[in-house]
Amino acid sequence: MDFNLVELVKHMSVPVILTNIFMIVMGLFALYIIFERYATFKKATTENIGYVHALRTALSSRNMDAALQQAQAHTKSPIARVMEGALK
């Protein structure tokens, strides 16, 4: 008896095959979620940096309206969302 993937699958019962298929699908879904979250956090980081620079410029001139406008313009930044609530 050879020990390879084909022989292993041939000796599996139907519930075991279905369980393995389910686990493979869930593993692929988990990889999708990991990459999607990474891309989202990467965008948020870039957006946060841009917002903080704009906020620094607006606050150094004591212009609260410009700070609020910048917060509303940077919709993907979590910091901007918090600051928008504070500046309203």
N, C-alpha and C. Protein backbone atom coordinates (compact mmCIF):
# COMPACT_ATOMS: atom_id res chain seq x y z
N MET A 1 0.84 -1.18 0.00
CA MET A 1 0.00 0.00 0.00
C MET A 1 0.88 1.24 0.00
N ASP A 2 0.69 2.09 -1.02
CA ASP A 2 1.43 3.35 -1.09
C ASP A 2 0.81 4.35 -0.14
N PHE A 3 1.66 5.23 0.33
CA PHE A 3 1.17 6.29 1.21
C PHE A 3 1.29 7.61 0.44
N ASN A 4 0.25 7.91 -0.32
CA ASN A 4 0.21 9.19 -1.03
C ASN A 4 -1.20 9.75 -0.94
N LEU A 5 -1.38 10.92 -1.47
CA LEU A 5 -2.65 11.62 -1.33
C LEU A 5 -3.80 10.89 -2.02
N VAL A 6 -3.54 10.33 -3.17
CA VAL A 6 -4.60 9.63 -3.90
C VAL A 6 -5.07 8.41 -3.13
N GLU A 7 -4.14 7.62 -2.62
CA GLU A 7 -4.52 6.44 -1.83
C GLU A 7 -5.24 6.84 -0.54
N LEU A 8 -4.82 7.92 0.03
CA LEU A 8 -5.45 8.39 1.27
C LEU A 8 -6.91 8.75 1.01
N VAL A 9 -7.16 9.47 -0.09
CA VAL A 9 -8.53 9.87 -0.42
C VAL A 9 -9.38 8.64 -0.79
N LYS A 10 -8.80 7.68 -1.44
CA LYS A 10 -9.54 6.48 -1.82
C LYS A 10 -10.05 5.71 -0.60
N HIS A 11 -9.34 5.79 0.50
CA HIS A 11 -9.72 5.05 1.69
C HIS A 11 -10.59 5.86 2.66
N MET A 12 -10.94 7.08 2.28
CA MET A 12 -11.78 7.91 3.15
C MET A 12 -13.25 7.57 2.95
N SER A 13 -14.00 7.71 4.03
CA SER A 13 -15.46 7.56 3.92
C SER A 13 -16.05 8.90 3.48
N VAL A 14 -17.31 8.88 3.11
CA VAL A 14 -17.99 10.09 2.62
C VAL A 14 -18.00 11.20 3.67
N PRO A 15 -18.34 10.93 4.94
CA PRO A 15 -18.31 12.01 5.92
C PRO A 15 -16.91 12.62 6.09
N VAL A 16 -15.89 11.81 6.00
CA VAL A 16 -14.52 12.32 6.13
C VAL A 16 -14.17 13.19 4.93
N ILE A 17 -14.56 12.79 3.75
CA ILE A 17 -14.31 13.59 2.55
C ILE A 17 -15.03 14.93 2.65
N LEU A 18 -16.30 14.89 3.07
CA LEU A 18 -17.07 16.13 3.21
C LEU A 18 -16.45 17.04 4.27
N THR A 19 -15.98 16.46 5.35
CA THR A 19 -15.33 17.25 6.40
C THR A 19 -14.05 17.89 5.87
N ASN A 20 -13.27 17.16 5.10
CA ASN A 20 -12.05 17.71 4.53
C ASN A 20 -12.35 18.83 3.53
N ILE A 21 -13.37 18.65 2.72
CA ILE A 21 -13.75 19.71 1.77
C ILE A 21 -14.18 20.95 2.53
N PHE A 22 -14.97 20.77 3.57
CA PHE A 22 -15.42 21.89 4.39
C PHE A 22 -14.22 22.62 5.02
N MET A 23 -13.26 21.87 5.52
CA MET A 23 -12.09 22.48 6.15
C MET A 23 -11.24 23.23 5.12
N ILE A 24 -11.12 22.71 3.91
CA ILE A 24 -10.37 23.41 2.87
C ILE A 24 -11.07 24.72 2.50
N VAL A 25 -12.39 24.67 2.34
CA VAL A 25 -13.15 25.89 2.02
C VAL A 25 -13.01 26.91 3.14
N MET A 26 -13.11 26.48 4.37
CA MET A 26 -12.98 27.42 5.50
C MET A 26 -11.56 27.99 5.58
N GLY A 27 -10.57 27.20 5.26
CA GLY A 27 -9.19 27.68 5.25
C GLY A 27 -8.98 28.75 4.19
N LEU A 28 -9.55 28.52 3.00
CA LEU A 28 -9.46 29.53 1.93
C LEU A 28 -10.21 30.80 2.31
N PHE A 29 -11.35 30.65 2.96
CA PHE A 29 -12.11 31.82 3.42
C PHE A 29 -11.32 32.60 4.47
N ALA A 30 -10.65 31.89 5.35
CA ALA A 30 -9.83 32.56 6.37
C ALA A 30 -8.68 33.33 5.73
N LEU A 31 -8.06 32.76 4.70
CA LEU A 31 -7.00 33.48 3.99
C LEU A 31 -7.54 34.73 3.31
N TYR A 32 -8.73 34.64 2.73
CA TYR A 32 -9.35 35.81 2.13
C TYR A 32 -9.57 36.90 3.17
N ILE A 33 -10.08 36.54 4.32
CA ILE A 33 -10.33 37.51 5.40
C ILE A 33 -9.02 38.15 5.85
N ILE A 34 -7.97 37.36 5.99
CA ILE A 34 -6.67 37.89 6.42
C ILE A 34 -6.17 38.94 5.43
N PHE A 35 -6.19 38.63 4.14
CA PHE A 35 -5.70 39.58 3.14
C PHE A 35 -6.60 40.81 3.04
N GLU A 36 -7.91 40.62 3.16
CA GLU A 36 -8.83 41.75 3.10
C GLU A 36 -8.62 42.68 4.29
N ARG A 37 -8.46 42.13 5.48
CA ARG A 37 -8.22 42.95 6.68
C ARG A 37 -6.88 43.67 6.57
N TYR A 38 -5.88 43.00 6.04
CA TYR A 38 -4.57 43.64 5.86
C TYR A 38 -4.70 44.85 4.94
N ALA A 39 -5.40 44.69 3.82
CA ALA A 39 -5.58 45.80 2.88
C ALA A 39 -6.36 46.94 3.52
N THR A 40 -7.38 46.61 4.29
CA THR A 40 -8.18 47.64 4.97
C THR A 40 -7.34 48.40 5.98
N PHE A 41 -6.57 47.70 6.79
CA PHE A 41 -5.73 48.37 7.79
C PHE A 41 -4.64 49.20 7.13
N LYS A 42 -4.12 48.72 6.01
CA LYS A 42 -3.09 49.47 5.28
C LYS A 42 -3.67 50.79 4.77
N LYS A 43 -4.89 50.74 4.20
CA LYS A 43 -5.55 51.96 3.73
C LYS A 43 -5.84 52.90 4.88
N ALA A 44 -6.31 52.37 6.00
CA ALA A 44 -6.63 53.20 7.16
C ALA A 44 -5.37 53.87 7.70
N THR A 45 -4.25 53.17 7.69
CA THR A 45 -3.00 53.75 8.17
C THR A 45 -2.60 54.92 7.29
N THR A 46 -2.67 54.74 5.98
CA THR A 46 -2.34 55.82 5.04
C THR A 46 -3.29 57.00 5.24
N GLU A 47 -4.56 56.71 5.39
CA GLU A 47 -5.56 57.76 5.59
C GLU A 47 -5.32 58.48 6.92
N ASN A 48 -4.96 57.74 7.97
CA ASN A 48 -4.68 58.36 9.27
C ASN A 48 -3.52 59.34 9.18
N ILE A 49 -2.46 58.94 8.49
CA ILE A 49 -1.29 59.80 8.38
C ILE A 49 -1.65 61.09 7.64
N GLY A 50 -2.40 60.96 6.55
CA GLY A 50 -2.83 62.14 5.81
C GLY A 50 -3.72 63.04 6.65
N TYR A 51 -4.60 62.44 7.42
CA TYR A 51 -5.50 63.24 8.26
C TYR A 51 -4.73 63.95 9.37
N VAL A 52 -3.81 63.28 10.00
CA VAL A 52 -3.07 63.90 11.10
C VAL A 52 -2.26 65.10 10.59
N HIS A 53 -1.69 64.98 9.42
CA HIS A 53 -0.96 66.12 8.84
C HIS A 53 -1.90 67.28 8.56
N ALA A 54 -3.07 66.99 7.99
CA ALA A 54 -4.05 68.04 7.71
C ALA A 54 -4.58 68.65 9.00
N LEU A 55 -4.79 67.82 10.01
CA LEU A 55 -5.28 68.31 11.29
C LEU A 55 -4.26 69.22 11.95
N ARG A 56 -2.99 68.83 11.87
CA ARG A 56 -1.93 69.66 12.45
C ARG A 56 -1.91 71.04 11.79
N THR A 57 -2.07 71.08 10.48
CA THR A 57 -2.08 72.36 9.76
C THR A 57 -3.28 73.20 10.18
N ALA A 58 -4.45 72.57 10.27
CA ALA A 58 -5.66 73.31 10.63
C ALA A 58 -5.61 73.81 12.06
N LEU A 59 -5.11 72.99 12.98
CA LEU A 59 -5.09 73.39 14.38
C LEU A 59 -3.97 74.40 14.69
N SER A 60 -2.89 74.35 13.91
CA SER A 60 -1.82 75.33 14.15
C SER A 60 -2.28 76.73 13.81
N SER A 61 -3.25 76.85 12.88
CA SER A 61 -3.82 78.17 12.57
C SER A 61 -5.12 78.40 13.33
N ARG A 62 -5.44 77.51 14.26
CA ARG A 62 -6.64 77.60 15.11
C ARG A 62 -7.93 77.67 14.29
N ASN A 63 -7.97 76.95 13.19
CA ASN A 63 -9.13 76.94 12.32
C ASN A 63 -9.91 75.64 12.55
N MET A 64 -10.91 75.71 13.43
CA MET A 64 -11.70 74.52 13.78
C MET A 64 -12.59 74.06 12.62
N ASP A 65 -13.07 75.02 11.80
CA ASP A 65 -13.90 74.63 10.66
C ASP A 65 -13.10 73.80 9.66
N ALA A 66 -11.85 74.20 9.42
CA ALA A 66 -11.00 73.43 8.50
C ALA A 66 -10.70 72.05 9.10
N ALA A 67 -10.50 71.97 10.40
CA ALA A 67 -10.24 70.69 11.05
C ALA A 67 -11.46 69.76 10.90
N LEU A 68 -12.66 70.32 11.05
CA LEU A 68 -13.88 69.53 10.87
C LEU A 68 -14.04 69.10 9.42
N GLN A 69 -13.76 69.98 8.49
CA GLN A 69 -13.85 69.63 7.07
C GLN A 69 -12.86 68.52 6.71
N GLN A 70 -11.67 68.60 7.27
CA GLN A 70 -10.68 67.54 7.01
C GLN A 70 -11.15 66.20 7.59
N ALA A 71 -11.76 66.26 8.76
CA ALA A 71 -12.28 65.03 9.38
C ALA A 71 -13.38 64.42 8.51
N GLN A 72 -14.22 65.26 7.94
CA GLN A 72 -15.29 64.76 7.07
C GLN A 72 -14.76 64.27 5.73
N ALA A 73 -13.63 64.81 5.30
CA ALA A 73 -13.05 64.39 4.02
C ALA A 73 -12.32 63.05 4.12
N HIS A 74 -11.78 62.74 5.28
CA HIS A 74 -11.02 61.49 5.48
C HIS A 74 -11.95 60.43 6.09
N THR A 75 -12.80 59.86 5.27
CA THR A 75 -13.85 58.96 5.77
C THR A 75 -13.33 57.59 6.20
N LYS A 76 -12.17 57.16 5.70
CA LYS A 76 -11.66 55.83 6.05
C LYS A 76 -10.74 55.87 7.27
N SER A 77 -10.53 57.03 7.83
CA SER A 77 -9.63 57.15 8.97
C SER A 77 -10.40 57.04 10.29
N PRO A 78 -10.06 56.07 11.12
CA PRO A 78 -10.73 55.97 12.42
C PRO A 78 -10.48 57.20 13.29
N ILE A 79 -9.29 57.76 13.22
CA ILE A 79 -8.98 58.96 14.00
C ILE A 79 -9.86 60.11 13.54
N ALA A 80 -10.06 60.24 12.23
CA ALA A 80 -10.89 61.32 11.70
C ALA A 80 -12.34 61.17 12.16
N ARG A 81 -12.83 59.94 12.22
CA ARG A 81 -14.21 59.74 12.68
C ARG A 81 -14.39 60.15 14.14
N VAL A 82 -13.41 59.85 14.96
CA VAL A 82 -13.48 60.23 16.37
C VAL A 82 -13.38 61.75 16.50
N MET A 83 -12.45 62.34 15.76
CA MET A 83 -12.27 63.78 15.83
C MET A 83 -13.47 64.53 15.27
N GLU A 84 -14.12 63.97 14.26
CA GLU A 84 -15.33 64.60 13.71
C GLU A 84 -16.40 64.70 14.79
N GLY A 85 -16.57 63.64 15.54
CA GLY A 85 -17.55 63.67 16.64
C GLY A 85 -17.16 64.68 17.71
N ALA A 86 -15.88 64.82 17.97
CA ALA A 86 -15.43 65.77 18.99
C ALA A 86 -15.52 67.21 18.51
N LEU A 87 -15.34 67.45 17.23
CA LEU A 87 -15.34 68.81 16.70
C LEU A 87 -16.74 69.34 16.38
N LYS A 88 -17.72 68.47 16.33
CA LYS A 88 -19.09 68.93 16.04
C LYS A 88 -19.70 69.63 17.22
